[in-house]
All heavy atoms as atom14 arrays in JSON, in Angstrom:
{
  "sequence": "RFKNNHAYPIKLSLSFENNVITVQILGTQESDLSVKCRVEQTGEMT",
  "atom14_mask": [
    [1, 1, 1, 1, 1, 1, 1, 1, 1, 1, 1, 0, 0, 0],
    [1, 1, 1, 1, 1, 1, 1, 1, 1, 1, 1, 0, 0, 0],
    [1, 1, 1, 1, 1, 1, 1, 1, 1, 0, 0, 0, 0, 0],
    [1, 1, 1, 1, 1, 1, 1, 1, 0, 0, 0, 0, 0, 0],
    [1, 1, 1, 1, 1, 1, 1, 1, 0, 0, 0, 0, 0, 0],
    [1, 1, 1, 1, 1, 1, 1, 1, 1, 1, 0, 0, 0, 0],
    [1, 1, 1, 1, 1, 0, 0, 0, 0, 0, 0, 0, 0, 0],
    [1, 1, 1, 1, 1, 1, 1, 1, 1, 1, 1, 1, 0, 0],
    [1, 1, 1, 1, 1, 1, 1, 0, 0, 0, 0, 0, 0, 0],
    [1, 1, 1, 1, 1, 1, 1, 1, 0, 0, 0, 0, 0, 0],
    [1, 1, 1, 1, 1, 1, 1, 1, 1, 0, 0, 0, 0, 0],
    [1, 1, 1, 1, 1, 1, 1, 1, 0, 0, 0, 0, 0, 0],
    [1, 1, 1, 1, 1, 1, 0, 0, 0, 0, 0, 0, 0, 0],
    [1, 1, 1, 1, 1, 1, 1, 1, 0, 0, 0, 0, 0, 0],
    [1, 1, 1, 1, 1, 1, 0, 0, 0, 0, 0, 0, 0, 0],
    [1, 1, 1, 1, 1, 1, 1, 1, 1, 1, 1, 0, 0, 0],
    [1, 1, 1, 1, 1, 1, 1, 1, 1, 0, 0, 0, 0, 0],
    [1, 1, 1, 1, 1, 1, 1, 1, 0, 0, 0, 0, 0, 0],
    [1, 1, 1, 1, 1, 1, 1, 1, 0, 0, 0, 0, 0, 0],
    [1, 1, 1, 1, 1, 1, 1, 0, 0, 0, 0, 0, 0, 0],
    [1, 1, 1, 1, 1, 1, 1, 1, 0, 0, 0, 0, 0, 0],
    [1, 1, 1, 1, 1, 1, 1, 0, 0, 0, 0, 0, 0, 0],
    [1, 1, 1, 1, 1, 1, 1, 0, 0, 0, 0, 0, 0, 0],
    [1, 1, 1, 1, 1, 1, 1, 1, 1, 0, 0, 0, 0, 0],
    [1, 1, 1, 1, 1, 1, 1, 1, 0, 0, 0, 0, 0, 0],
    [1, 1, 1, 1, 1, 1, 1, 1, 0, 0, 0, 0, 0, 0],
    [1, 1, 1, 1, 0, 0, 0, 0, 0, 0, 0, 0, 0, 0],
    [1, 1, 1, 1, 1, 1, 1, 0, 0, 0, 0, 0, 0, 0],
    [1, 1, 1, 1, 1, 1, 1, 1, 1, 0, 0, 0, 0, 0],
    [1, 1, 1, 1, 1, 1, 1, 1, 1, 0, 0, 0, 0, 0],
    [1, 1, 1, 1, 1, 1, 0, 0, 0, 0, 0, 0, 0, 0],
    [1, 1, 1, 1, 1, 1, 1, 1, 0, 0, 0, 0, 0, 0],
    [1, 1, 1, 1, 1, 1, 1, 1, 0, 0, 0, 0, 0, 0],
    [1, 1, 1, 1, 1, 1, 0, 0, 0, 0, 0, 0, 0, 0],
    [1, 1, 1, 1, 1, 1, 1, 0, 0, 0, 0, 0, 0, 0],
    [1, 1, 1, 1, 1, 1, 1, 1, 1, 0, 0, 0, 0, 0],
    [1, 1, 1, 1, 1, 1, 0, 0, 0, 0, 0, 0, 0, 0],
    [1, 1, 1, 1, 1, 1, 1, 1, 1, 1, 1, 0, 0, 0],
    [1, 1, 1, 1, 1, 1, 1, 0, 0, 0, 0, 0, 0, 0],
    [1, 1, 1, 1, 1, 1, 1, 1, 1, 0, 0, 0, 0, 0],
    [1, 1, 1, 1, 1, 1, 1, 1, 1, 0, 0, 0, 0, 0],
    [1, 1, 1, 1, 1, 1, 1, 0, 0, 0, 0, 0, 0, 0],
    [1, 1, 1, 1, 0, 0, 0, 0, 0, 0, 0, 0, 0, 0],
    [1, 1, 1, 1, 1, 1, 1, 1, 1, 0, 0, 0, 0, 0],
    [1, 1, 1, 1, 1, 1, 1, 1, 0, 0, 0, 0, 0, 0],
    [1, 1, 1, 1, 1, 1, 1, 0, 0, 0, 0, 0, 0, 0]
  ],
  "atom14_positions": [
    [[-21.12, 91.81, 14.76], [-19.84, 91.13, 14.92], [-19.8, 89.87, 14.07], [-20.81, 89.18, 13.91], [-19.61, 90.75, 16.39], [-19.51, 91.94, 17.33], [-19.18, 91.53, 18.76], [-20.25, 90.74, 19.36], [-20.07, 89.59, 19.99], [-18.85, 89.07, 20.08], [-21.09, 88.96, 20.53], [0.0, 0.0, 0.0], [0.0, 0.0, 0.0], [0.0, 0.0, 0.0]],
    [[-18.63, 89.58, 13.55], [-18.41, 88.29, 12.87], [-16.97, 87.85, 13.13], [-16.13, 88.64, 13.57], [-18.71, 88.38, 11.36], [-17.76, 89.26, 10.58], [-16.62, 88.74, 10.0], [-18.02, 90.62, 10.42], [-15.75, 89.55, 9.27], [-17.16, 91.43, 9.69], [-16.02, 90.9, 9.12], [0.0, 0.0, 0.0], [0.0, 0.0, 0.0], [0.0, 0.0, 0.0]],
    [[-16.71, 86.56, 12.85], [-15.44, 85.95, 13.2], [-14.78, 85.34, 11.97], [-15.46, 84.78, 11.11], [-15.67, 84.86, 14.25], [-14.43, 84.15, 14.74], [-14.81, 83.11, 15.8], [-13.59, 82.36, 16.34], [-13.97, 81.35, 17.35], [0.0, 0.0, 0.0], [0.0, 0.0, 0.0], [0.0, 0.0, 0.0], [0.0, 0.0, 0.0], [0.0, 0.0, 0.0]],
    [[-13.44, 85.47, 11.92], [-12.68, 84.81, 10.86], [-12.46, 83.36, 11.26], [-11.58, 83.05, 12.05], [-11.35, 85.52, 10.63], [-10.51, 84.83, 9.55], [-11.0, 83.94, 8.85], [-9.26, 85.22, 9.43], [0.0, 0.0, 0.0], [0.0, 0.0, 0.0], [0.0, 0.0, 0.0], [0.0, 0.0, 0.0], [0.0, 0.0, 0.0], [0.0, 0.0, 0.0]],
    [[-13.28, 82.48, 10.7], [-13.14, 81.05, 10.99], [-12.35, 80.33, 9.9], [-12.45, 79.11, 9.77], [-14.52, 80.41, 11.18], [-15.44, 80.67, 9.99], [-15.14, 81.5, 9.15], [-16.57, 79.98, 9.94], [0.0, 0.0, 0.0], [0.0, 0.0, 0.0], [0.0, 0.0, 0.0], [0.0, 0.0, 0.0], [0.0, 0.0, 0.0], [0.0, 0.0, 0.0]],
    [[-11.57, 81.07, 9.12], [-10.74, 80.49, 8.08], [-9.32, 80.28, 8.61], [-8.94, 80.81, 9.66], [-10.69, 81.42, 6.86], [-11.95, 81.39, 6.05], [-12.03, 81.92, 4.78], [-13.19, 80.91, 6.32], [-13.25, 81.76, 4.31], [-13.98, 81.15, 5.25], [0.0, 0.0, 0.0], [0.0, 0.0, 0.0], [0.0, 0.0, 0.0], [0.0, 0.0, 0.0]],
    [[-8.53, 79.53, 7.86], [-7.13, 79.3, 8.21], [-6.24, 80.45, 7.78], [-5.13, 80.62, 8.3], [-6.63, 77.99, 7.59], [0.0, 0.0, 0.0], [0.0, 0.0, 0.0], [0.0, 0.0, 0.0], [0.0, 0.0, 0.0], [0.0, 0.0, 0.0], [0.0, 0.0, 0.0], [0.0, 0.0, 0.0], [0.0, 0.0, 0.0], [0.0, 0.0, 0.0]],
    [[-6.7, 81.24, 6.82], [-5.93, 82.39, 6.31], [-6.54, 83.69, 6.85], [-7.74, 83.74, 7.2], [-5.97, 82.42, 4.79], [-4.99, 81.48, 4.11], [-5.34, 80.16, 3.86], [-3.73, 81.92, 3.7], [-4.47, 79.29, 3.23], [-2.84, 81.06, 3.07], [-3.21, 79.75, 2.83], [-2.33, 78.9, 2.2], [0.0, 0.0, 0.0], [0.0, 0.0, 0.0]],
    [[-5.76, 84.76, 6.89], [-6.3, 86.07, 7.27], [-7.31, 86.57, 6.23], [-7.29, 86.15, 5.07], [-5.07, 86.97, 7.32], [-3.9, 86.05, 7.41], [-4.3, 84.8, 6.68], [0.0, 0.0, 0.0], [0.0, 0.0, 0.0], [0.0, 0.0, 0.0], [0.0, 0.0, 0.0], [0.0, 0.0, 0.0], [0.0, 0.0, 0.0], [0.0, 0.0, 0.0]],
    [[-8.18, 87.45, 6.67], [-9.09, 88.14, 5.75], [-8.91, 89.65, 5.94], [-8.42, 90.11, 6.98], [-10.56, 87.74, 5.97], [-11.02, 88.15, 7.38], [-10.77, 86.26, 5.73], [-12.51, 87.99, 7.6], [0.0, 0.0, 0.0], [0.0, 0.0, 0.0], [0.0, 0.0, 0.0], [0.0, 0.0, 0.0], [0.0, 0.0, 0.0], [0.0, 0.0, 0.0]],
    [[-9.33, 90.39, 4.91], [-9.22, 91.85, 4.97], [-10.46, 92.48, 4.37], [-11.0, 92.01, 3.35], [-7.97, 92.32, 4.22], [-7.79, 93.84, 4.24], [-6.42, 94.25, 3.75], [-6.26, 94.05, 2.26], [-4.97, 94.63, 1.78], [0.0, 0.0, 0.0], [0.0, 0.0, 0.0], [0.0, 0.0, 0.0], [0.0, 0.0, 0.0], [0.0, 0.0, 0.0]],
    [[-10.92, 93.56, 5.0], [-12.04, 94.32, 4.48], [-11.51, 95.43, 3.57], [-10.61, 96.18, 3.95], [-12.86, 94.95, 5.62], [-13.53, 93.99, 6.61], [-14.35, 94.78, 7.62], [-14.41, 92.98, 5.9], [0.0, 0.0, 0.0], [0.0, 0.0, 0.0], [0.0, 0.0, 0.0], [0.0, 0.0, 0.0], [0.0, 0.0, 0.0], [0.0, 0.0, 0.0]],
    [[-12.08, 95.49, 2.39], [-11.75, 96.56, 1.45], [-13.02, 97.34, 1.17], [-13.97, 96.81, 0.58], [-11.18, 95.98, 0.15], [-10.95, 97.02, -0.8], [0.0, 0.0, 0.0], [0.0, 0.0, 0.0], [0.0, 0.0, 0.0], [0.0, 0.0, 0.0], [0.0, 0.0, 0.0], [0.0, 0.0, 0.0], [0.0, 0.0, 0.0], [0.0, 0.0, 0.0]],
    [[-13.08, 98.6, 1.61], [-14.27, 99.43, 1.46], [-13.93, 100.7, 0.68], [-12.84, 101.27, 0.85], [-14.86, 99.83, 2.82], [-15.75, 98.8, 3.53], [-14.9, 97.68, 4.13], [-16.58, 99.47, 4.61], [0.0, 0.0, 0.0], [0.0, 0.0, 0.0], [0.0, 0.0, 0.0], [0.0, 0.0, 0.0], [0.0, 0.0, 0.0], [0.0, 0.0, 0.0]],
    [[-14.86, 101.12, -0.14], [-14.72, 102.41, -0.84], [-16.08, 103.08, -0.89], [-17.12, 102.42, -0.77], [-14.16, 102.2, -2.25], [-15.07, 101.43, -3.04], [0.0, 0.0, 0.0], [0.0, 0.0, 0.0], [0.0, 0.0, 0.0], [0.0, 0.0, 0.0], [0.0, 0.0, 0.0], [0.0, 0.0, 0.0], [0.0, 0.0, 0.0], [0.0, 0.0, 0.0]],
    [[-16.08, 104.4, -1.09], [-17.31, 105.18, -1.16], [-17.14, 106.25, -2.22], [-16.46, 107.25, -2.01], [-17.61, 105.79, 0.22], [-18.93, 106.51, 0.29], [-20.08, 105.95, -0.24], [-19.02, 107.76, 0.9], [-21.3, 106.61, -0.16], [-20.23, 108.42, 1.0], [-21.37, 107.84, 0.46], [0.0, 0.0, 0.0], [0.0, 0.0, 0.0], [0.0, 0.0, 0.0]],
    [[-17.73, 105.98, -3.39], [-17.62, 106.9, -4.51], [-18.98, 107.07, -5.16], [-19.71, 106.08, -5.37], [-16.62, 106.38, -5.54], [-15.19, 106.27, -5.04], [-14.25, 105.73, -6.09], [-14.73, 105.43, -7.2], [-13.04, 105.58, -5.8], [0.0, 0.0, 0.0], [0.0, 0.0, 0.0], [0.0, 0.0, 0.0], [0.0, 0.0, 0.0], [0.0, 0.0, 0.0]],
    [[-19.29, 108.34, -5.49], [-20.56, 108.66, -6.16], [-21.74, 108.07, -5.39], [-22.68, 107.5, -5.98], [-20.56, 108.14, -7.61], [-19.44, 108.74, -8.43], [-19.13, 109.94, -8.29], [-18.81, 107.92, -9.27], [0.0, 0.0, 0.0], [0.0, 0.0, 0.0], [0.0, 0.0, 0.0], [0.0, 0.0, 0.0], [0.0, 0.0, 0.0], [0.0, 0.0, 0.0]],
    [[-21.65, 108.21, -4.05], [-22.72, 107.75, -3.14], [-22.89, 106.23, -3.12], [-23.91, 105.73, -2.61], [-24.05, 108.41, -3.49], [-24.01, 109.92, -3.34], [-23.24, 110.44, -2.55], [-24.82, 110.63, -4.11], [0.0, 0.0, 0.0], [0.0, 0.0, 0.0], [0.0, 0.0, 0.0], [0.0, 0.0, 0.0], [0.0, 0.0, 0.0], [0.0, 0.0, 0.0]],
    [[-21.95, 105.48, -3.68], [-22.02, 104.02, -3.7], [-20.98, 103.45, -2.73], [-19.78, 103.76, -2.84], [-21.8, 103.46, -5.11], [-21.79, 101.91, -5.07], [-22.89, 103.94, -6.05], [0.0, 0.0, 0.0], [0.0, 0.0, 0.0], [0.0, 0.0, 0.0], [0.0, 0.0, 0.0], [0.0, 0.0, 0.0], [0.0, 0.0, 0.0], [0.0, 0.0, 0.0]],
    [[-21.47, 102.62, -1.81], [-20.57, 101.92, -0.89], [-20.25, 100.56, -1.51], [-21.15, 99.8, -1.86], [-21.22, 101.7, 0.49], [-21.68, 103.0, 1.12], [-20.25, 100.96, 1.43], [-22.53, 102.82, 2.36], [0.0, 0.0, 0.0], [0.0, 0.0, 0.0], [0.0, 0.0, 0.0], [0.0, 0.0, 0.0], [0.0, 0.0, 0.0], [0.0, 0.0, 0.0]],
    [[-18.96, 100.27, -1.66], [-18.52, 98.97, -2.16], [-17.73, 98.26, -1.07], [-16.77, 98.83, -0.53], [-17.66, 99.11, -3.42], [-18.41, 99.79, -4.44], [-17.23, 97.75, -3.94], [0.0, 0.0, 0.0], [0.0, 0.0, 0.0], [0.0, 0.0, 0.0], [0.0, 0.0, 0.0], [0.0, 0.0, 0.0], [0.0, 0.0, 0.0], [0.0, 0.0, 0.0]],
    [[-18.17, 97.05, -0.74], [-17.47, 96.24, 0.27], [-16.96, 94.97, -0.39], [-17.7, 94.28, -1.09], [-18.41, 95.87, 1.44], [-17.71, 94.9, 2.39], [-18.87, 97.11, 2.18], [0.0, 0.0, 0.0], [0.0, 0.0, 0.0], [0.0, 0.0, 0.0], [0.0, 0.0, 0.0], [0.0, 0.0, 0.0], [0.0, 0.0, 0.0], [0.0, 0.0, 0.0]],
    [[-15.68, 94.71, -0.21], [-15.09, 93.43, -0.62], [-14.44, 92.78, 0.6], [-13.74, 93.45, 1.37], [-14.04, 93.63, -1.71], [-14.59, 93.98, -3.08], [-13.5, 94.02, -4.13], [-12.38, 94.49, -3.87], [-13.81, 93.54, -5.33], [0.0, 0.0, 0.0], [0.0, 0.0, 0.0], [0.0, 0.0, 0.0], [0.0, 0.0, 0.0], [0.0, 0.0, 0.0]],
    [[-14.72, 91.49, 0.77], [-14.04, 90.72, 1.82], [-13.0, 89.86, 1.11], [-13.33, 88.94, 0.36], [-15.04, 89.85, 2.6], [-16.11, 90.73, 3.24], [-14.31, 89.03, 3.67], [-17.2, 89.95, 3.96], [0.0, 0.0, 0.0], [0.0, 0.0, 0.0], [0.0, 0.0, 0.0], [0.0, 0.0, 0.0], [0.0, 0.0, 0.0], [0.0, 0.0, 0.0]],
    [[-11.73, 90.21, 1.33], [-10.63, 89.55, 0.65], [-10.04, 88.47, 1.54], [-9.96, 88.63, 2.77], [-9.55, 90.57, 0.29], [-10.0, 91.79, -0.53], [-8.84, 92.73, -0.77], [-10.62, 91.34, -1.84], [0.0, 0.0, 0.0], [0.0, 0.0, 0.0], [0.0, 0.0, 0.0], [0.0, 0.0, 0.0], [0.0, 0.0, 0.0], [0.0, 0.0, 0.0]],
    [[-9.64, 87.38, 0.93], [-9.03, 86.3, 1.68], [-8.51, 85.24, 0.75], [-8.07, 85.54, -0.36], [0.0, 0.0, 0.0], [0.0, 0.0, 0.0], [0.0, 0.0, 0.0], [0.0, 0.0, 0.0], [0.0, 0.0, 0.0], [0.0, 0.0, 0.0], [0.0, 0.0, 0.0], [0.0, 0.0, 0.0], [0.0, 0.0, 0.0], [0.0, 0.0, 0.0]],
    [[-8.58, 84.01, 1.2], [-8.1, 82.87, 0.41], [-9.23, 81.84, 0.34], [-9.73, 81.39, 1.38], [-6.86, 82.25, 1.07], [-5.87, 83.26, 1.23], [-6.3, 81.13, 0.2], [0.0, 0.0, 0.0], [0.0, 0.0, 0.0], [0.0, 0.0, 0.0], [0.0, 0.0, 0.0], [0.0, 0.0, 0.0], [0.0, 0.0, 0.0], [0.0, 0.0, 0.0]],
    [[-9.62, 81.5, -0.85], [-10.68, 80.52, -1.03], [-10.2, 79.15, -0.58], [-9.27, 78.59, -1.15], [-11.12, 80.47, -2.51], [-12.39, 79.71, -2.75], [-13.63, 80.41, -2.18], [-13.75, 81.64, -2.31], [-14.49, 79.67, -1.53], [0.0, 0.0, 0.0], [0.0, 0.0, 0.0], [0.0, 0.0, 0.0], [0.0, 0.0, 0.0], [0.0, 0.0, 0.0]],
    [[-10.8, 78.64, 0.46], [-10.35, 77.37, 1.04], [-11.29, 76.22, 0.72], [-11.06, 75.1, 1.15], [-10.22, 77.53, 2.56], [-9.22, 78.61, 2.97], [-9.19, 78.84, 4.47], [-9.84, 78.07, 5.21], [-8.51, 79.78, 4.92], [0.0, 0.0, 0.0], [0.0, 0.0, 0.0], [0.0, 0.0, 0.0], [0.0, 0.0, 0.0], [0.0, 0.0, 0.0]],
    [[-12.34, 76.49, -0.02], [-13.31, 75.45, -0.36], [-13.73, 75.61, -1.81], [-13.71, 76.72, -2.36], [-14.53, 75.55, 0.57], [-15.58, 74.71, 0.11], [0.0, 0.0, 0.0], [0.0, 0.0, 0.0], [0.0, 0.0, 0.0], [0.0, 0.0, 0.0], [0.0, 0.0, 0.0], [0.0, 0.0, 0.0], [0.0, 0.0, 0.0], [0.0, 0.0, 0.0]],
    [[-14.12, 74.5, -2.42], [-14.6, 74.55, -3.8], [-16.05, 74.97, -3.87], [-16.59, 75.17, -4.98], [-14.45, 73.17, -4.46], [-12.99, 72.77, -4.63], [-12.15, 73.69, -4.72], [-12.7, 71.56, -4.65], [0.0, 0.0, 0.0], [0.0, 0.0, 0.0], [0.0, 0.0, 0.0], [0.0, 0.0, 0.0], [0.0, 0.0, 0.0], [0.0, 0.0, 0.0]],
    [[-16.7, 75.11, -2.74], [-18.12, 75.48, -2.73], [-18.28, 76.99, -2.86], [-17.48, 77.76, -2.33], [-18.79, 75.01, -1.44], [-18.76, 73.5, -1.16], [-19.43, 73.2, 0.19], [-19.44, 72.72, -2.28], [0.0, 0.0, 0.0], [0.0, 0.0, 0.0], [0.0, 0.0, 0.0], [0.0, 0.0, 0.0], [0.0, 0.0, 0.0], [0.0, 0.0, 0.0]],
    [[-19.3, 77.39, -3.56], [-19.67, 78.8, -3.65], [-20.87, 79.05, -2.76], [-21.67, 78.14, -2.49], [-19.98, 79.19, -5.1], [-21.06, 78.41, -5.61], [0.0, 0.0, 0.0], [0.0, 0.0, 0.0], [0.0, 0.0, 0.0], [0.0, 0.0, 0.0], [0.0, 0.0, 0.0], [0.0, 0.0, 0.0], [0.0, 0.0, 0.0], [0.0, 0.0, 0.0]],
    [[-21.02, 80.3, -2.31], [-22.07, 80.64, -1.35], [-22.96, 81.73, -1.94], [-22.47, 82.72, -2.49], [-21.46, 81.12, -0.02], [-22.58, 81.42, 0.99], [-20.51, 80.09, 0.54], [0.0, 0.0, 0.0], [0.0, 0.0, 0.0], [0.0, 0.0, 0.0], [0.0, 0.0, 0.0], [0.0, 0.0, 0.0], [0.0, 0.0, 0.0], [0.0, 0.0, 0.0]],
    [[-24.27, 81.55, -1.8], [-25.23, 82.55, -2.22], [-26.23, 82.78, -1.1], [-26.63, 81.85, -0.39], [-25.97, 82.11, -3.48], [-25.08, 82.01, -4.72], [-25.87, 81.59, -5.94], [-24.97, 81.48, -7.18], [-25.75, 81.07, -8.39], [0.0, 0.0, 0.0], [0.0, 0.0, 0.0], [0.0, 0.0, 0.0], [0.0, 0.0, 0.0], [0.0, 0.0, 0.0]],
    [[-26.61, 84.05, -0.97], [-27.58, 84.4, 0.07], [-29.0, 84.19, -0.45], [-29.32, 84.49, -1.6], [-27.37, 85.85, 0.5], [-28.59, 86.45, 1.67], [0.0, 0.0, 0.0], [0.0, 0.0, 0.0], [0.0, 0.0, 0.0], [0.0, 0.0, 0.0], [0.0, 0.0, 0.0], [0.0, 0.0, 0.0], [0.0, 0.0, 0.0], [0.0, 0.0, 0.0]],
    [[-29.85, 83.7, 0.44], [-31.26, 83.51, 0.11], [-32.1, 83.99, 1.29], [-31.83, 83.63, 2.44], [-31.54, 82.04, -0.18], [-33.02, 81.7, -0.39], [-33.16, 80.26, -0.91], [-32.47, 79.3, -0.07], [-33.06, 78.69, 0.97], [-34.31, 78.98, 1.31], [-32.38, 77.81, 1.67], [0.0, 0.0, 0.0], [0.0, 0.0, 0.0], [0.0, 0.0, 0.0]],
    [[-33.13, 84.82, 0.98], [-34.01, 85.33, 2.03], [-35.44, 84.87, 1.71], [-35.94, 85.06, 0.59], [-33.96, 86.87, 2.11], [-34.92, 87.37, 3.18], [-32.54, 87.34, 2.39], [0.0, 0.0, 0.0], [0.0, 0.0, 0.0], [0.0, 0.0, 0.0], [0.0, 0.0, 0.0], [0.0, 0.0, 0.0], [0.0, 0.0, 0.0], [0.0, 0.0, 0.0]],
    [[-36.08, 84.27, 2.7], [-37.45, 83.82, 2.54], [-38.36, 84.63, 3.47], [-38.05, 84.81, 4.66], [-37.58, 82.33, 2.9], [-36.92, 81.39, 1.91], [-37.19, 79.93, 2.25], [-37.88, 79.68, 3.28], [-36.72, 79.06, 1.51], [0.0, 0.0, 0.0], [0.0, 0.0, 0.0], [0.0, 0.0, 0.0], [0.0, 0.0, 0.0], [0.0, 0.0, 0.0]],
    [[-39.48, 85.1, 2.91], [-40.47, 85.81, 3.72], [-41.33, 84.77, 4.44], [-41.91, 83.88, 3.82], [-41.34, 86.72, 2.85], [-42.27, 87.58, 3.67], [-42.97, 88.63, 2.82], [-42.77, 88.7, 1.6], [-43.78, 89.47, 3.46], [0.0, 0.0, 0.0], [0.0, 0.0, 0.0], [0.0, 0.0, 0.0], [0.0, 0.0, 0.0], [0.0, 0.0, 0.0]],
    [[-41.42, 84.9, 5.72], [-42.16, 83.92, 6.53], [-43.44, 84.5, 7.11], [-44.23, 83.76, 7.7], [-41.28, 83.41, 7.67], [-40.86, 84.52, 8.47], [-40.06, 82.69, 7.13], [0.0, 0.0, 0.0], [0.0, 0.0, 0.0], [0.0, 0.0, 0.0], [0.0, 0.0, 0.0], [0.0, 0.0, 0.0], [0.0, 0.0, 0.0], [0.0, 0.0, 0.0]],
    [[-43.64, 85.8, 6.97], [-44.84, 86.46, 7.47], [-44.98, 87.8, 6.8], [-44.22, 88.15, 5.88], [0.0, 0.0, 0.0], [0.0, 0.0, 0.0], [0.0, 0.0, 0.0], [0.0, 0.0, 0.0], [0.0, 0.0, 0.0], [0.0, 0.0, 0.0], [0.0, 0.0, 0.0], [0.0, 0.0, 0.0], [0.0, 0.0, 0.0], [0.0, 0.0, 0.0]],
    [[-45.95, 88.59, 7.28], [-46.17, 89.89, 6.63], [-44.94, 90.76, 6.67], [-44.59, 91.42, 5.69], [-47.35, 90.6, 7.29], [-47.71, 91.93, 6.63], [-48.9, 92.59, 7.27], [-49.52, 91.98, 8.16], [-49.23, 93.72, 6.88], [0.0, 0.0, 0.0], [0.0, 0.0, 0.0], [0.0, 0.0, 0.0], [0.0, 0.0, 0.0], [0.0, 0.0, 0.0]],
    [[-44.24, 90.76, 7.82], [-43.03, 91.56, 7.96], [-41.91, 90.75, 8.62], [-41.08, 91.3, 9.34], [-43.33, 92.82, 8.8], [-44.34, 93.77, 8.17], [-43.69, 94.6, 6.71], [-42.58, 95.79, 7.44], [0.0, 0.0, 0.0], [0.0, 0.0, 0.0], [0.0, 0.0, 0.0], [0.0, 0.0, 0.0], [0.0, 0.0, 0.0], [0.0, 0.0, 0.0]],
    [[-41.86, 89.46, 8.37], [-40.81, 88.6, 8.94], [-40.1, 87.85, 7.83], [-40.72, 87.44, 6.84], [-41.4, 87.58, 9.95], [-42.33, 86.74, 9.27], [-42.09, 88.31, 11.1], [0.0, 0.0, 0.0], [0.0, 0.0, 0.0], [0.0, 0.0, 0.0], [0.0, 0.0, 0.0], [0.0, 0.0, 0.0], [0.0, 0.0, 0.0], [0.0, 0.0, 0.0]]
  ]
}
């Protein structure tokens, strides 16, 4: 589960072609900041 904590609506756009799932989360950019995901390994399997 996740929540729309923006002031504008958001929409999920999904497609499945040639065994590739493409997900786009459409909305309105309300901040000048960009977001990137980072994953750190903290243990053998954590």
